[in-house]
Amino acid sequence: MKVTTTLRYFFCICILLMNFLCIQAQVTKSVSTGHAHNDYAQKRRIPLVDALKKGFVSIEVDVYAYGKNDLKVAHLPFFLASKRNLEQLYFKPLEIWLRNYQKIFQDSTQELILMVDVKSRPDVTYQRLKKLCLKYKTMLSYYDAKEDSVYQKSIRIVVSGKRPVNLILQDSISYLFLDGRLQDMKNAEISPKLVPRVSMSYPFRWKGKGEIPAEELVQLRQYVQEIHTYGAKVRFWAMPENEELWTLFLQEGVDWMNIDDLDRYRQYLEKTN
């Protein structure tokens, strides 16, 4: 009983603190190419709030199904009992942010993508994530399978990692979109409307120093053309972070830069634009 009461007090304190931080933050101009990698795990960063203050329109968070009902936010499955959950760190603060500002960014038409990287038990995670989305559905974009249409709101939940694809495809109304893979583009059962972007591990030897090898530039252009023709945006994970690479990839039409150092990337964009 004492443990339960303590946890409830802790949860309330976390919500009050996040409410204060959201009020102190500012709606800013969006960084439309910025994907904040493992937002919750970065040193000297307040989860969610710092990424929003810096204008990042895509935020990544790893989750593990834990206990009977929880989705814990963590990079590795250790000491999960002490970790905060997805609702505490992201859904509730986003609700508070929208209540305070009525929009996520200065451009009120700009969606925030919250990419949930499923680390364990995809079927269980799907059920818990779906339940959470229904609780906060008024702020979430959704896909209507019968109409093959997307209805945009402030936030889009995109599922990555161990994706419960078959379960998502069974929903006539889905608040969960797919972080696509190249093979998804050949799957007739998956509507392109359900796949806002296609992601893959960084496949090139080139790390941003000197000229990119000609054959790798050809391959990069092929990826971009194929994915854009499908109707999705392009993201590489585990990509190097340097200005030379960013410059070339942005010129070649890569839509998302996978970023750990948010300040450095925003400063780069301000310098080059």
Protein backbone atom coordinates (compact mmCIF):
# COMPACT_ATOMS: atom_id res chain seq x y z
CA MET A 1 0.00 0.00 0.00
CA LYS A 2 2.80 2.42 0.92
CA VAL A 3 4.64 1.62 -2.32
CA THR A 4 1.50 2.29 -4.39
CA THR A 5 0.90 5.61 -2.62
CA THR A 6 4.52 6.65 -3.11
CA LEU A 7 4.33 5.87 -6.82
CA ARG A 8 1.15 7.91 -7.14
CA TYR A 9 2.79 10.89 -5.46
CA PHE A 10 5.82 10.50 -7.71
CA PHE A 11 3.62 10.40 -10.80
CA CYS A 12 1.77 13.56 -9.71
CA ILE A 13 5.05 15.38 -9.07
CA CYS A 14 6.32 14.37 -12.52
CA ILE A 15 3.15 15.69 -14.17
CA LEU A 16 3.33 18.98 -12.26
CA LEU A 17 7.00 19.39 -13.18
CA MET A 18 6.32 18.66 -16.83
CA ASN A 19 3.41 21.09 -16.80
CA PHE A 20 5.75 23.78 -15.46
CA LEU A 21 8.42 22.98 -18.06
CA CYS A 22 5.90 23.06 -20.91
CA ILE A 23 4.59 26.42 -19.77
CA GLN A 24 8.15 27.79 -19.58
CA ALA A 25 8.97 26.50 -23.08
CA GLN A 26 8.18 28.36 -26.28
CA VAL A 27 6.54 27.37 -29.52
CA THR A 28 9.29 27.68 -32.09
CA LYS A 29 9.91 27.44 -35.81
CA SER A 30 10.05 23.82 -36.92
CA VAL A 31 13.15 22.04 -38.17
CA SER A 32 11.39 19.99 -40.83
CA THR A 33 14.33 17.65 -41.48
CA GLY A 34 15.25 16.97 -37.84
CA HIS A 35 14.71 13.55 -36.27
CA ALA A 36 15.71 13.55 -32.57
CA HIS A 37 17.26 10.13 -32.03
CA ASN A 38 16.56 8.48 -28.66
CA ASP A 39 15.30 11.76 -27.27
CA TYR A 40 14.89 10.49 -23.70
CA ALA A 41 18.45 9.12 -23.43
CA GLN A 42 20.52 12.20 -24.24
CA LYS A 43 22.57 13.87 -21.50
CA ARG A 44 21.57 17.38 -20.41
CA ARG A 45 18.27 17.10 -22.27
CA ILE A 46 14.77 17.24 -20.82
CA PRO A 47 12.83 14.53 -22.67
CA LEU A 48 10.46 15.96 -25.28
CA VAL A 49 10.63 19.58 -24.14
CA ASP A 50 14.15 20.30 -25.39
CA ALA A 51 13.41 18.72 -28.76
CA LEU A 52 10.25 20.80 -29.14
CA LYS A 53 12.03 24.00 -28.07
CA LYS A 54 14.61 23.33 -30.79
CA GLY A 55 11.89 22.72 -33.37
CA PHE A 56 12.49 19.04 -34.11
CA VAL A 57 9.40 17.62 -35.82
CA SER A 58 10.28 13.96 -35.28
CA ILE A 59 11.16 12.40 -31.93
CA GLU A 60 12.21 8.81 -31.28
CA VAL A 61 11.51 6.87 -28.10
CA ASP A 62 12.23 3.20 -27.25
CA VAL A 63 9.64 1.26 -25.29
CA TYR A 64 9.41 -2.09 -23.52
CA ALA A 65 6.21 -3.81 -22.46
CA TYR A 66 6.49 -4.17 -18.69
CA GLY A 67 4.29 -5.67 -16.02
CA LYS A 68 0.57 -5.99 -16.63
CA ASN A 69 -0.18 -2.68 -18.33
CA ASP A 70 2.93 -0.56 -18.72
CA LEU A 71 5.12 0.70 -21.56
CA LYS A 72 8.47 1.67 -20.09
CA VAL A 73 10.83 4.09 -21.84
CA ALA A 74 14.36 2.69 -21.96
CA HIS A 75 17.15 1.83 -24.38
CA LEU A 76 18.00 -1.47 -22.67
CA PRO A 77 15.77 -3.84 -20.67
CA PHE A 78 17.49 -3.29 -17.31
CA PHE A 79 15.96 -1.81 -14.13
CA LEU A 80 12.68 -1.19 -15.95
CA ALA A 81 10.76 -0.90 -12.70
CA SER A 82 12.51 2.41 -12.01
CA LYS A 83 11.96 3.83 -15.51
CA ARG A 84 9.20 6.25 -16.42
CA ASN A 85 6.54 5.21 -18.88
CA LEU A 86 5.46 6.46 -22.29
CA GLU A 87 2.41 8.29 -21.01
CA GLN A 88 4.34 10.14 -18.29
CA LEU A 89 7.19 11.23 -20.56
CA TYR A 90 5.37 11.95 -23.82
CA PHE A 91 1.59 11.61 -24.12
CA LYS A 92 0.60 13.59 -21.04
CA PRO A 93 3.21 16.37 -21.60
CA LEU A 94 2.08 16.70 -25.23
CA GLU A 95 -1.49 17.07 -24.06
CA ILE A 96 -0.33 19.80 -21.65
CA TRP A 97 1.70 21.49 -24.42
CA LEU A 98 -1.33 21.62 -26.72
CA ARG A 99 -3.56 22.88 -23.93
CA ASN A 100 -1.12 25.73 -23.32
CA TYR A 101 -0.32 26.64 -26.94
CA GLN A 102 -3.02 25.01 -29.14
CA LYS A 103 -0.24 23.96 -31.55
CA ILE A 104 3.12 22.22 -31.46
CA PHE A 105 5.12 24.61 -33.67
CA GLN A 106 4.74 28.15 -35.01
CA ASP A 107 3.33 26.66 -38.21
CA SER A 108 0.13 25.17 -36.84
CA THR A 109 -0.15 22.79 -39.82
CA GLN A 110 3.15 21.08 -38.93
CA GLU A 111 2.66 17.66 -37.36
CA LEU A 112 4.94 16.21 -34.73
CA ILE A 113 5.96 12.62 -35.40
CA LEU A 114 6.44 10.57 -32.25
CA MET A 115 8.24 7.43 -33.39
CA VAL A 116 7.79 4.57 -30.94
CA ASP A 117 10.54 1.98 -31.34
CA VAL A 118 9.07 -1.31 -30.07
CA LYS A 119 11.77 -3.26 -28.25
CA SER A 120 9.84 -6.24 -26.89
CA ARG A 121 6.62 -8.27 -27.12
CA PRO A 122 5.16 -6.51 -30.17
CA ASP A 123 1.66 -7.99 -29.80
CA VAL A 124 1.40 -6.88 -26.17
CA THR A 125 2.96 -3.50 -26.95
CA TYR A 126 0.44 -2.99 -29.75
CA GLN A 127 -2.52 -3.54 -27.42
CA ARG A 128 -1.15 -1.16 -24.78
CA LEU A 129 -0.14 1.47 -27.32
CA LYS A 130 -3.52 1.30 -29.03
CA LYS A 131 -5.26 1.78 -25.67
CA LEU A 132 -3.04 4.80 -24.94
CA CYS A 133 -3.77 6.30 -28.35
CA LEU A 134 -7.52 5.95 -27.86
CA LYS A 135 -7.19 7.81 -24.55
CA TYR A 136 -5.43 10.72 -26.31
CA LYS A 137 -7.06 10.39 -29.73
CA THR A 138 -8.24 14.00 -29.94
CA MET A 139 -4.65 15.11 -30.59
CA LEU A 140 -3.61 12.21 -32.86
CA SER A 141 -3.69 11.86 -36.62
CA TYR A 142 -5.35 8.67 -37.84
CA TYR A 143 -5.76 6.47 -40.91
CA ASP A 144 -9.21 5.37 -42.16
CA ALA A 145 -8.71 2.06 -43.98
CA LYS A 146 -12.14 2.07 -45.66
CA GLU A 147 -11.51 5.49 -47.17
CA ASP A 148 -7.76 4.95 -47.53
CA SER A 149 -7.37 8.44 -46.10
CA VAL A 150 -5.31 10.14 -43.43
CA TYR A 151 -6.90 12.70 -41.10
CA GLN A 152 -4.21 14.97 -39.77
CA LYS A 153 -4.11 16.42 -36.29
CA SER A 154 -1.21 17.66 -34.19
CA ILE A 155 0.72 14.42 -33.59
CA ARG A 156 1.31 11.27 -35.59
CA ILE A 157 2.39 8.05 -33.84
CA VAL A 158 4.76 6.02 -36.04
CA VAL A 159 5.71 2.50 -34.97
CA SER A 160 9.23 1.21 -35.60
CA GLY A 161 11.44 -1.62 -34.33
CA LYS A 162 9.53 -4.86 -33.77
CA ARG A 163 6.52 -3.58 -35.68
CA PRO A 164 3.19 -5.40 -35.15
CA VAL A 165 2.33 -4.89 -38.82
CA ASN A 166 -0.40 -7.51 -39.12
CA LEU A 167 -2.26 -6.17 -36.08
CA ILE A 168 -2.08 -2.59 -37.32
CA LEU A 169 -3.43 -3.67 -40.71
CA GLN A 170 -6.48 -5.19 -39.04
CA ASP A 171 -7.67 -1.83 -37.70
CA SER A 172 -10.28 0.00 -39.75
CA ILE A 173 -9.28 3.18 -37.89
CA SER A 174 -5.62 3.25 -36.94
CA TYR A 175 -3.83 5.79 -34.77
CA LEU A 176 -0.63 3.87 -35.43
CA PHE A 177 1.36 4.44 -38.62
CA LEU A 178 4.33 2.42 -39.85
CA ASP A 179 7.97 3.35 -40.03
CA GLY A 180 8.32 1.59 -43.38
CA ARG A 181 10.95 -0.73 -44.77
CA LEU A 182 11.92 -1.21 -48.43
CA GLN A 183 10.00 -4.50 -48.57
CA ASP A 184 6.82 -2.74 -47.40
CA MET A 185 6.70 -0.88 -50.70
CA LYS A 186 6.14 -4.24 -52.47
CA ASN A 187 3.41 -5.38 -50.08
CA ALA A 188 0.01 -4.73 -51.65
CA GLU A 189 -1.69 -5.15 -48.25
CA ILE A 190 0.06 -2.07 -46.88
CA SER A 191 -1.38 1.23 -48.10
CA PRO A 192 1.27 3.89 -48.79
CA LYS A 193 -0.99 6.23 -46.78
CA LEU A 194 -0.09 4.20 -43.69
CA VAL A 195 3.66 4.66 -44.32
CA PRO A 196 4.79 8.28 -43.93
CA ARG A 197 8.44 7.34 -44.24
CA VAL A 198 10.74 4.46 -45.13
CA SER A 199 13.79 3.88 -42.94
CA MET A 200 16.90 1.76 -43.24
CA SER A 201 20.27 1.38 -41.57
CA TYR A 202 22.93 3.64 -43.06
CA PRO A 203 24.27 1.47 -45.92
CA PHE A 204 27.26 3.46 -47.22
CA ARG A 205 31.01 3.34 -46.56
CA TRP A 206 31.20 7.11 -47.06
CA LYS A 207 31.18 8.95 -43.72
CA GLY A 208 31.06 12.52 -44.99
CA LYS A 209 34.76 13.14 -45.60
CA GLY A 210 35.92 13.85 -49.15
CA GLU A 211 33.77 12.95 -52.14
CA ILE A 212 31.18 10.23 -51.94
CA PRO A 213 32.09 7.29 -54.22
CA ALA A 214 30.23 7.49 -57.52
CA GLU A 215 28.53 4.10 -57.08
CA GLU A 216 27.27 5.08 -53.62
CA LEU A 217 25.87 8.35 -54.94
CA VAL A 218 23.99 6.38 -57.61
CA GLN A 219 22.62 4.05 -54.91
CA LEU A 220 21.59 6.99 -52.72
CA ARG A 221 19.72 8.60 -55.59
CA GLN A 222 17.99 5.32 -56.36
CA TYR A 223 16.79 4.95 -52.76
CA VAL A 224 15.48 8.53 -52.72
CA GLN A 225 13.71 8.17 -56.06
CA GLU A 226 12.06 4.85 -55.21
CA ILE A 227 10.85 5.95 -51.80
CA HIS A 228 9.60 9.33 -53.00
CA THR A 229 7.77 7.67 -55.90
CA TYR A 230 6.08 5.42 -53.34
CA GLY A 231 4.95 8.57 -51.53
CA ALA A 232 7.07 8.33 -48.39
CA LYS A 233 10.01 10.21 -46.93
CA VAL A 234 13.56 8.86 -46.51
CA ARG A 235 15.40 8.21 -43.23
CA PHE A 236 18.67 6.42 -42.48
CA TRP A 237 19.39 5.39 -38.92
CA ALA A 238 22.91 5.09 -37.46
CA MET A 239 24.12 7.72 -39.91
CA PRO A 240 27.26 9.81 -39.26
CA GLU A 241 26.68 13.33 -38.00
CA ASN A 242 28.71 15.99 -39.77
CA GLU A 243 28.05 19.01 -41.94
CA GLU A 244 29.52 17.55 -45.11
CA LEU A 245 27.15 14.60 -45.01
CA TRP A 246 24.13 16.71 -44.06
CA THR A 247 24.79 19.08 -46.95
CA LEU A 248 24.99 16.32 -49.56
CA PHE A 249 22.06 14.31 -48.22
CA LEU A 250 19.79 17.35 -48.04
CA GLN A 251 20.79 18.33 -51.58
CA GLU A 252 20.00 14.81 -52.77
CA GLY A 253 16.55 14.84 -51.20
CA VAL A 254 16.99 12.78 -48.03
CA ASP A 255 14.12 14.01 -45.86
CA TRP A 256 15.28 13.19 -42.32
CA MET A 257 18.61 13.61 -40.60
CA ASN A 258 19.04 11.24 -37.65
CA ILE A 259 20.37 13.60 -34.95
CA ASP A 260 21.77 13.21 -31.44
CA ASP A 261 23.29 16.70 -31.13
CA LEU A 262 20.21 18.88 -31.65
CA ASP A 263 21.98 22.19 -31.05
CA ARG A 264 24.67 21.44 -33.61
CA TYR A 265 22.17 20.53 -36.32
CA ARG A 266 19.96 23.55 -35.71
CA GLN A 267 23.01 25.83 -35.77
CA TYR A 268 24.11 24.21 -39.03
CA LEU A 269 20.73 24.92 -40.62
CA GLU A 270 20.70 28.52 -39.38
CA LYS A 271 24.17 29.02 -40.84
CA THR A 272 23.40 27.50 -44.24
CA ASN A 273 19.87 28.84 -44.82
